[in-house]
Amino acid sequence: MSAVRDRPRRVGHKGAHALAHGNTAASFDAALGLGVDMIEFDVLPAHQDGTGALLLAHDYEDAAAREPLTLQQGLAHLAAPAFAGIELDVDLKLPGYEDRVVAALREHGLTERTLISTMEVASLARLRAIAPEIRLGWSVPKVRRDYLAHPLTRPLAYGAVGVLRRTVPRQAAAAIRAGRVDALMAHWSLVTPRLARAVADAGGELYVWTVDDAARIAALERLGVAGIITNDPRLFPADASP
């Protein structure tokens, strides 16, 4: 699903994680009520080798702390008529279960409005081979926590950000032009005018995660990115229109 827009897509991270625990039906419903264009959610296998039930959870600590929805339950909820106009960003946390995710999306008739994103390059190759009809997003950088949020790791993290700002535009453009991916999902710290131009010139889309600051959201809107991912969709301008 694609349309001409005069603003970026408003994407709810895990639904609306700031209002209700993420990756739950309540969080998805909250995001819908706040007028998002797309809902991002995480899919994690019960076992790290990619086997076992597919769960809607960000990590194993999250999964152990509650009784998460299964992928089938989550897709059944999101396939309901109320969500008919909402796009989906299905984020795969590990490699090894790509085929099962694609099969579930096809079963629920959701492939046309779905983008699958992941940090795993091998997963992107597998997904392109088995599901060329599904849009793919490459998530960068490949990290499991926000190192900029911790005082002890922040100096080193900013050094890494400087390197990535120089290298990611070229890498992303090459991946898009080669047809390996359709979009880049970049942490906000990596997003610069150069990156935005590189992705757009290659014919791709740039989504920015996870932005929980209204001023930063406004700046990214002015930059013309394709989508902005936030835990709190209330931060989007109330007068924005699709």
C-alpha atoms as a PDB file:
ATOM      1  CA  MET A   1       0.000   0.000   0.000  1.00  0.00           C
ATOM      2  CA  SER A   2       1.399   3.363  -0.995  1.00  0.00           C
ATOM      3  CA  ALA A   3      -0.076   6.801  -1.479  1.00  0.00           C
ATOM      4  CA  VAL A   4       1.019  10.323  -2.222  1.00  0.00           C
ATOM      5  CA  ARG A   5       1.498  12.098   1.115  1.00  0.00           C
ATOM      6  CA  ASP A   6       2.262  15.614   2.211  1.00  0.00           C
ATOM      7  CA  ARG A   7       3.655  14.444   5.539  1.00  0.00           C
ATOM      8  CA  PRO A   8       5.479  11.372   6.867  1.00  0.00           C
ATOM      9  CA  ARG A   9       3.581   8.305   7.988  1.00  0.00           C
ATOM     10  CA  ARG A  10       2.768   8.367  11.683  1.00  0.00           C
ATOM     11  CA  VAL A  11       3.972   5.010  13.021  1.00  0.00           C
ATOM     12  CA  GLY A  12       3.068   3.693  16.464  1.00  0.00           C
ATOM     13  CA  HIS A  13       5.969   1.818  18.062  1.00  0.00           C
ATOM     14  CA  LYS A  14       4.639  -1.487  19.430  1.00  0.00           C
ATOM     15  CA  GLY A  15       1.259   0.183  18.944  1.00  0.00           C
ATOM     16  CA  ALA A  16       1.258   3.035  21.429  1.00  0.00           C
ATOM     17  CA  HIS A  17       3.753   1.781  24.001  1.00  0.00           C
ATOM     18  CA  ALA A  18       3.632   4.999  26.041  1.00  0.00           C
ATOM     19  CA  LEU A  19      -0.072   4.481  26.691  1.00  0.00           C
ATOM     20  CA  ALA A  20      -0.415   0.709  26.986  1.00  0.00           C
ATOM     21  CA  HIS A  21       2.156  -2.083  27.209  1.00  0.00           C
ATOM     22  CA  GLY A  22       3.566  -2.569  23.729  1.00  0.00           C
ATOM     23  CA  ASN A  23       2.817  -5.465  21.397  1.00  0.00           C
ATOM     24  CA  THR A  24      -0.640  -5.965  22.903  1.00  0.00           C
ATOM     25  CA  ALA A  25      -4.161  -5.563  21.559  1.00  0.00           C
ATOM     26  CA  ALA A  26      -4.690  -2.656  23.964  1.00  0.00           C
ATOM     27  CA  SER A  27      -1.622  -0.890  22.592  1.00  0.00           C
ATOM     28  CA  PHE A  28      -2.726  -1.453  18.996  1.00  0.00           C
ATOM     29  CA  ASP A  29      -6.185  -0.107  19.822  1.00  0.00           C
ATOM     30  CA  ALA A  30      -4.675   2.979  21.486  1.00  0.00           C
ATOM     31  CA  ALA A  31      -2.549   3.676  18.406  1.00  0.00           C
ATOM     32  CA  LEU A  32      -5.575   3.303  16.142  1.00  0.00           C
ATOM     33  CA  GLY A  33      -7.519   5.743  18.280  1.00  0.00           C
ATOM     34  CA  LEU A  34      -4.745   8.314  17.916  1.00  0.00           C
ATOM     35  CA  GLY A  35      -4.840   8.209  14.132  1.00  0.00           C
ATOM     36  CA  VAL A  36      -1.606   6.439  13.218  1.00  0.00           C
ATOM     37  CA  ASP A  37      -0.960   5.405   9.637  1.00  0.00           C
ATOM     38  CA  MET A  38       1.113   2.346  10.535  1.00  0.00           C
ATOM     39  CA  ILE A  39       1.596   0.073  13.553  1.00  0.00           C
ATOM     40  CA  GLU A  40       5.009  -1.439  14.269  1.00  0.00           C
ATOM     41  CA  PHE A  41       5.212  -4.616  16.329  1.00  0.00           C
ATOM     42  CA  ASP A  42       7.856  -7.200  17.208  1.00  0.00           C
ATOM     43  CA  VAL A  43       7.847 -10.916  16.443  1.00  0.00           C
ATOM     44  CA  LEU A  44      10.090 -13.206  18.466  1.00  0.00           C
ATOM     45  CA  PRO A  45      10.315 -17.019  18.388  1.00  0.00           C
ATOM     46  CA  ALA A  46       9.905 -18.885  21.665  1.00  0.00           C
ATOM     47  CA  HIS A  47      13.419 -20.312  21.197  1.00  0.00           C
ATOM     48  CA  GLN A  48      16.523 -18.474  20.027  1.00  0.00           C
ATOM     49  CA  ASP A  49      17.127 -20.965  17.205  1.00  0.00           C
ATOM     50  CA  GLY A  50      13.968 -19.678  15.540  1.00  0.00           C
ATOM     51  CA  THR A  51      11.719 -22.535  16.610  1.00  0.00           C
ATOM     52  CA  GLY A  52       8.686 -22.581  18.881  1.00  0.00           C
ATOM     53  CA  ALA A  53       5.620 -20.387  18.937  1.00  0.00           C
ATOM     54  CA  LEU A  54       5.946 -16.933  17.382  1.00  0.00           C
ATOM     55  CA  LEU A  55       5.257 -14.308  20.028  1.00  0.00           C
ATOM     56  CA  LEU A  56       4.605 -10.576  19.937  1.00  0.00           C
ATOM     57  CA  ALA A  57       7.436  -9.494  22.214  1.00  0.00           C
ATOM     58  CA  HIS A  58      10.494  -7.259  21.922  1.00  0.00           C
ATOM     59  CA  ASP A  59      12.838  -9.600  23.816  1.00  0.00           C
ATOM     60  CA  TYR A  60      12.809 -12.672  26.053  1.00  0.00           C
ATOM     61  CA  GLU A  61      12.610 -10.628  29.247  1.00  0.00           C
ATOM     62  CA  ASP A  62       9.485  -8.963  27.903  1.00  0.00           C
ATOM     63  CA  ALA A  63       8.001 -12.315  26.879  1.00  0.00           C
ATOM     64  CA  ALA A  64       8.677 -13.859  30.312  1.00  0.00           C
ATOM     65  CA  ALA A  65       7.094 -10.964  32.191  1.00  0.00           C
ATOM     66  CA  ARG A  66       3.627 -11.484  30.714  1.00  0.00           C
ATOM     67  CA  GLU A  67       1.571 -13.776  28.513  1.00  0.00           C
ATOM     68  CA  PRO A  68       2.259 -12.353  25.060  1.00  0.00           C
ATOM     69  CA  LEU A  69      -0.030 -12.632  22.093  1.00  0.00           C
ATOM     70  CA  THR A  70       0.973 -15.165  19.475  1.00  0.00           C
ATOM     71  CA  LEU A  71       1.571 -13.894  15.958  1.00  0.00           C
ATOM     72  CA  GLN A  72      -1.674 -15.526  14.851  1.00  0.00           C
ATOM     73  CA  GLN A  73      -3.625 -13.745  17.602  1.00  0.00           C
ATOM     74  CA  GLY A  74      -2.002 -10.415  16.823  1.00  0.00           C
ATOM     75  CA  LEU A  75      -2.644 -10.681  13.082  1.00  0.00           C
ATOM     76  CA  ALA A  76      -6.254 -11.725  13.657  1.00  0.00           C
ATOM     77  CA  HIS A  77      -6.722  -8.549  15.718  1.00  0.00           C
ATOM     78  CA  LEU A  78      -5.029  -6.352  13.128  1.00  0.00           C
ATOM     79  CA  ALA A  79      -6.979  -7.939  10.266  1.00  0.00           C
ATOM     80  CA  ALA A  80     -10.255  -6.726  11.793  1.00  0.00           C
ATOM     81  CA  PRO A  81     -12.226  -4.112   9.807  1.00  0.00           C
ATOM     82  CA  ALA A  82     -11.288  -1.312  12.235  1.00  0.00           C
ATOM     83  CA  PHE A  83      -7.639  -1.613  11.131  1.00  0.00           C
ATOM     84  CA  ALA A  84      -8.349  -1.883   7.401  1.00  0.00           C
ATOM     85  CA  GLY A  85      -6.591   1.379   6.549  1.00  0.00           C
ATOM     86  CA  ILE A  86      -3.571   0.791   8.769  1.00  0.00           C
ATOM     87  CA  GLU A  87      -0.211  -0.387   7.412  1.00  0.00           C
ATOM     88  CA  LEU A  88       1.941  -2.796   9.412  1.00  0.00           C
ATOM     89  CA  ASP A  89       5.663  -2.848  10.197  1.00  0.00           C
ATOM     90  CA  VAL A  90       6.497  -6.380  11.316  1.00  0.00           C
ATOM     91  CA  ASP A  91       9.890  -6.307  13.030  1.00  0.00           C
ATOM     92  CA  LEU A  92      11.756  -9.623  13.175  1.00  0.00           C
ATOM     93  CA  LYS A  93      14.171  -9.751  16.096  1.00  0.00           C
ATOM     94  CA  LEU A  94      16.167 -12.857  15.091  1.00  0.00           C
ATOM     95  CA  PRO A  95      16.784 -14.941  11.957  1.00  0.00           C
ATOM     96  CA  GLY A  96      15.295 -18.351  11.283  1.00  0.00           C
ATOM     97  CA  TYR A  97      11.506 -17.958  11.182  1.00  0.00           C
ATOM     98  CA  GLU A  98      10.972 -15.815   8.099  1.00  0.00           C
ATOM     99  CA  ASP A  99       8.924 -18.454   6.231  1.00  0.00           C
ATOM    100  CA  ARG A 100       6.455 -18.830   9.072  1.00  0.00           C
ATOM    101  CA  VAL A 101       5.906 -15.092   9.362  1.00  0.00           C
ATOM    102  CA  VAL A 102       5.253 -14.786   5.641  1.00  0.00           C
ATOM    103  CA  ALA A 103       2.834 -17.723   5.741  1.00  0.00           C
ATOM    104  CA  ALA A 104       0.891 -16.115   8.599  1.00  0.00           C
ATOM    105  CA  LEU A 105       0.675 -12.767   6.797  1.00  0.00           C
ATOM    106  CA  ARG A 106      -0.594 -14.465   3.651  1.00  0.00           C
ATOM    107  CA  GLU A 107      -3.123 -16.474   5.642  1.00  0.00           C
ATOM    108  CA  HIS A 108      -4.605 -13.264   7.049  1.00  0.00           C
ATOM    109  CA  GLY A 109      -4.459 -11.394   3.728  1.00  0.00           C
ATOM    110  CA  LEU A 110      -2.090  -8.745   5.083  1.00  0.00           C
ATOM    111  CA  THR A 111       0.914  -8.868   2.752  1.00  0.00           C
ATOM    112  CA  GLU A 112      -0.204  -5.910   0.648  1.00  0.00           C
ATOM    113  CA  ARG A 113      -0.152  -3.493   3.578  1.00  0.00           C
ATOM    114  CA  THR A 114       2.871  -4.932   5.381  1.00  0.00           C
ATOM    115  CA  LEU A 115       6.524  -3.932   5.546  1.00  0.00           C
ATOM    116  CA  ILE A 116       8.832  -6.445   7.256  1.00  0.00           C
ATOM    117  CA  SER A 117      11.836  -4.896   8.954  1.00  0.00           C
ATOM    118  CA  THR A 118      14.863  -6.456  10.609  1.00  0.00           C
ATOM    119  CA  MET A 119      18.500  -5.837  11.481  1.00  0.00           C
ATOM    120  CA  GLU A 120      19.386  -9.285  10.105  1.00  0.00           C
ATOM    121  CA  VAL A 121      20.755  -9.074   6.554  1.00  0.00           C
ATOM    122  CA  ALA A 122      20.381 -12.839   6.057  1.00  0.00           C
ATOM    123  CA  SER A 123      16.703 -12.562   6.930  1.00  0.00           C
ATOM    124  CA  LEU A 124      16.212  -9.815   4.359  1.00  0.00           C
ATOM    125  CA  ALA A 125      17.721 -12.044   1.652  1.00  0.00           C
ATOM    126  CA  ARG A 126      15.482 -14.953   2.646  1.00  0.00           C
ATOM    127  CA  LEU A 127      12.384 -12.756   2.724  1.00  0.00           C
ATOM    128  CA  ARG A 128      13.105 -11.278  -0.705  1.00  0.00           C
ATOM    129  CA  ALA A 129      13.458 -14.781  -2.141  1.00  0.00           C
ATOM    130  CA  ILE A 130      10.222 -16.193  -0.713  1.00  0.00           C
ATOM    131  CA  ALA A 131       7.998 -13.094  -0.671  1.00  0.00           C
ATOM    132  CA  PRO A 132       8.900 -10.587  -3.382  1.00  0.00           C
ATOM    133  CA  GLU A 133       5.487  -8.958  -2.940  1.00  0.00           C
ATOM    134  CA  ILE A 134       6.296  -7.773   0.609  1.00  0.00           C
ATOM    135  CA  ARG A 135       8.191  -4.529   1.204  1.00  0.00           C
ATOM    136  CA  LEU A 136      11.376  -4.905   3.228  1.00  0.00           C
ATOM    137  CA  GLY A 137      13.103  -2.488   5.587  1.00  0.00           C
ATOM    138  CA  TRP A 138      16.701  -2.750   6.779  1.00  0.00           C
ATOM    139  CA  SER A 139      17.050  -1.561  10.394  1.00  0.00           C
ATOM    140  CA  VAL A 140      20.270   0.179  11.423  1.00  0.00           C
ATOM    141  CA  PRO A 141      22.363   0.163  13.483  1.00  0.00           C
ATOM    142  CA  LYS A 142      22.388  -3.459  14.620  1.00  0.00           C
ATOM    143  CA  VAL A 143      22.096  -2.952  18.369  1.00  0.00           C
ATOM    144  CA  ARG A 144      19.894  -4.483  21.056  1.00  0.00           C
ATOM    145  CA  ARG A 145      19.687  -1.438  23.331  1.00  0.00           C
ATOM    146  CA  ASP A 146      20.011   2.326  23.125  1.00  0.00           C
ATOM    147  CA  TYR A 147      23.642   3.012  23.990  1.00  0.00           C
ATOM    148  CA  LEU A 148      23.053   6.756  23.734  1.00  0.00           C
ATOM    149  CA  ALA A 149      20.758   6.535  26.749  1.00  0.00           C
ATOM    150  CA  HIS A 150      23.469   5.331  29.140  1.00  0.00           C
ATOM    151  CA  PRO A 151      26.113   7.784  30.462  1.00  0.00           C
ATOM    152  CA  LEU A 152      28.851   5.143  30.520  1.00  0.00           C
ATOM    153  CA  THR A 153      28.356   4.092  26.890  1.00  0.00           C
ATOM    154  CA  ARG A 154      27.283   7.443  25.433  1.00  0.00           C
ATOM    155  CA  PRO A 155      30.762   8.771  24.454  1.00  0.00           C
ATOM    156  CA  LEU A 156      31.663   5.603  22.545  1.00  0.00           C
ATOM    157  CA  ALA A 157      28.192   5.479  21.019  1.00  0.00           C
ATOM    158  CA  TYR A 158      28.505   9.002  19.642  1.00  0.00           C
ATOM    159  CA  GLY A 159      31.823   8.029  18.088  1.00  0.00           C
ATOM    160  CA  ALA A 160      30.129   5.096  16.367  1.00  0.00           C
ATOM    161  CA  VAL A 161      27.303   7.377  15.208  1.00  0.00           C
ATOM    162  CA  GLY A 162      29.840   9.630  13.496  1.00  0.00           C
ATOM    163  CA  VAL A 163      31.263   6.700  11.543  1.00  0.00           C
ATOM    164  CA  LEU A 164      27.826   5.373  10.594  1.00  0.00           C
ATOM    165  CA  ARG A 165      26.646   8.770   9.378  1.00  0.00           C
ATOM    166  CA  ARG A 166      29.457   8.622   6.825  1.00  0.00           C
ATOM    167  CA  THR A 167      28.996   5.004   5.739  1.00  0.00           C
ATOM    168  CA  VAL A 168      25.269   4.203   5.970  1.00  0.00           C
ATOM    169  CA  PRO A 169      24.054   6.546   3.166  1.00  0.00           C
ATOM    170  CA  ARG A 170      26.178   4.753   0.572  1.00  0.00           C
ATOM    171  CA  GLN A 171      25.336   1.287   1.933  1.00  0.00           C
ATOM    172  CA  ALA A 172      21.615   2.009   2.081  1.00  0.00           C
ATOM    173  CA  ALA A 173      21.497   3.434  -1.428  1.00  0.00           C
ATOM    174  CA  ALA A 174      23.344   0.397  -2.787  1.00  0.00           C
ATOM    175  CA  ALA A 175      20.962  -2.033  -1.066  1.00  0.00           C
ATOM    176  CA  ILE A 176      17.902  -0.192  -2.383  1.00  0.00           C
ATOM    177  CA  ARG A 177      19.221   0.076  -5.949  1.00  0.00           C
ATOM    178  CA  ALA A 178      20.110  -3.625  -5.935  1.00  0.00           C
ATOM    179  CA  GLY A 179      16.539  -4.472  -4.918  1.00  0.00           C
ATOM    180  CA  ARG A 180      17.564  -6.076  -1.632  1.00  0.00           C
ATOM    181  CA  VAL A 181      15.387  -3.703   0.394  1.00  0.00           C
ATOM    182  CA  ASP A 182      12.757  -1.033  -0.183  1.00  0.00           C
ATOM    183  CA  ALA A 183      13.304   1.069   2.921  1.00  0.00           C
ATOM    184  CA  LEU A 184      15.844   2.007   5.546  1.00  0.00           C
ATOM    185  CA  MET A 185      14.747   2.014   9.186  1.00  0.00           C
ATOM    186  CA  ALA A 186      17.295   4.258  10.918  1.00  0.00           C
ATOM    187  CA  HIS A 187      17.784   5.304  14.512  1.00  0.00           C
ATOM    188  CA  TRP A 188      17.154   9.053  14.774  1.00  0.00           C
ATOM    189  CA  SER A 189      20.815   9.739  15.610  1.00  0.00           C
ATOM    190  CA  LEU A 190      21.867   8.549  12.129  1.00  0.00           C
ATOM    191  CA  VAL A 191      19.399  10.679  10.196  1.00  0.00           C
ATOM    192  CA  THR A 192      20.927  13.597   8.317  1.00  0.00           C
ATOM    193  CA  PRO A 193      19.980  15.464   5.134  1.00  0.00           C
ATOM    194  CA  ARG A 194      22.658  13.416   3.366  1.00  0.00           C
ATOM    195  CA  LEU A 195      21.032  10.144   4.415  1.00  0.00           C
ATOM    196  CA  ALA A 196      17.570  11.380   3.456  1.00  0.00           C
ATOM    197  CA  ARG A 197      18.817  12.392  -0.003  1.00  0.00           C
ATOM    198  CA  ALA A 198      20.694   9.131  -0.542  1.00  0.00           C
ATOM    199  CA  VAL A 199      17.649   6.999   0.268  1.00  0.00           C
ATOM    200  CA  ALA A 200      15.263   9.148  -1.780  1.00  0.00           C
ATOM    201  CA  ASP A 201      17.599   9.313  -4.784  1.00  0.00           C
ATOM    202  CA  ALA A 202      17.877   5.511  -4.734  1.00  0.00           C
ATOM    203  CA  GLY A 203      14.086   5.222  -4.843  1.00  0.00           C
ATOM    204  CA  GLY A 204      13.605   4.057  -1.256  1.00  0.00           C
ATOM    205  CA  GLU A 205      11.846   5.202   1.890  1.00  0.00           C
ATOM    206  CA  LEU A 206      13.413   6.375   5.147  1.00  0.00           C
ATOM    207  CA  TYR A 207      11.714   5.530   8.454  1.00  0.00           C
ATOM    208  CA  VAL A 208      13.126   6.914  11.703  1.00  0.00           C
ATOM    209  CA  TRP A 209      12.985   5.181  15.106  1.00  0.00           C
ATOM    210  CA  THR A 210      12.199   5.696  17.984  1.00  0.00           C
ATOM    211  CA  VAL A 211      11.334   9.389  18.312  1.00  0.00           C
ATOM    212  CA  ASP A 212       9.680  10.471  21.552  1.00  0.00           C
ATOM    213  CA  ASP A 213      10.325  14.198  21.313  1.00  0.00           C
ATOM    214  CA  ALA A 214       7.891  16.584  19.613  1.00  0.00           C
ATOM    215  CA  ALA A 215      10.593  18.999  18.444  1.00  0.00           C
ATOM    216  CA  ARG A 216      12.583  16.186  16.842  1.00  0.00           C
ATOM    217  CA  ILE A 217       9.427  14.877  15.166  1.00  0.00           C
ATOM    218  CA  ALA A 218       8.819  18.346  13.693  1.00  0.00           C
ATOM    219  CA  ALA A 219      12.394  18.547  12.407  1.00  0.00           C
ATOM    220  CA  LEU A 220      12.116  15.124  10.772  1.00  0.00           C
ATOM    221  CA  GLU A 221       8.845  16.103   9.140  1.00  0.00           C
ATOM    222  CA  ARG A 222      10.579  19.113   7.611  1.00  0.00           C
ATOM    223  CA  LEU A 223      13.337  16.808   6.363  1.00  0.00           C
ATOM    224  CA  GLY A 224      10.737  14.835   4.434  1.00  0.00           C
ATOM    225  CA  VAL A 225      11.309  11.320   5.761  1.00  0.00           C
ATOM    226  CA  ALA A 226       8.784   8.627   4.818  1.00  0.00           C
ATOM    227  CA  GLY A 227       7.800   7.692   8.355  1.00  0.00           C
ATOM    228  CA  ILE A 228       8.432   8.547  12.004  1.00  0.00           C
ATOM    229  CA  ILE A 229       8.135   5.840  14.665  1.00  0.00           C
ATOM    230  CA  THR A 230       7.186   6.864  18.207  1.00  0.00           C
ATOM    231  CA  ASN A 231       6.021   5.275  21.452  1.00  0.00           C
ATOM    232  CA  ASP A 232       3.599   8.177  21.911  1.00  0.00           C
ATOM    233  CA  PRO A 233       1.477   9.084  18.862  1.00  0.00           C
ATOM    234  CA  ARG A 234       0.082  12.047  20.821  1.00  0.00           C
ATOM    235  CA  LEU A 235       3.326  13.834  19.905  1.00  0.00           C
ATOM    236  CA  PHE A 236       2.357  14.107  16.247  1.00  0.00           C
ATOM    237  CA  PRO A 237       0.839  17.455  15.225  1.00  0.00           C
ATOM    238  CA  ALA A 238      -2.910  17.336  15.827  1.00  0.00           C
ATOM    239  CA  ASP A 239      -3.638  19.217  12.610  1.00  0.00           C
ATOM    240  CA  ALA A 240      -1.577  16.891  10.367  1.00  0.00           C
ATOM    241  CA  SER A 241      -3.498  15.454   7.448  1.00  0.00           C
ATOM    242  CA  PRO A 242      -2.690  12.500   5.159  1.00  0.00           C
END
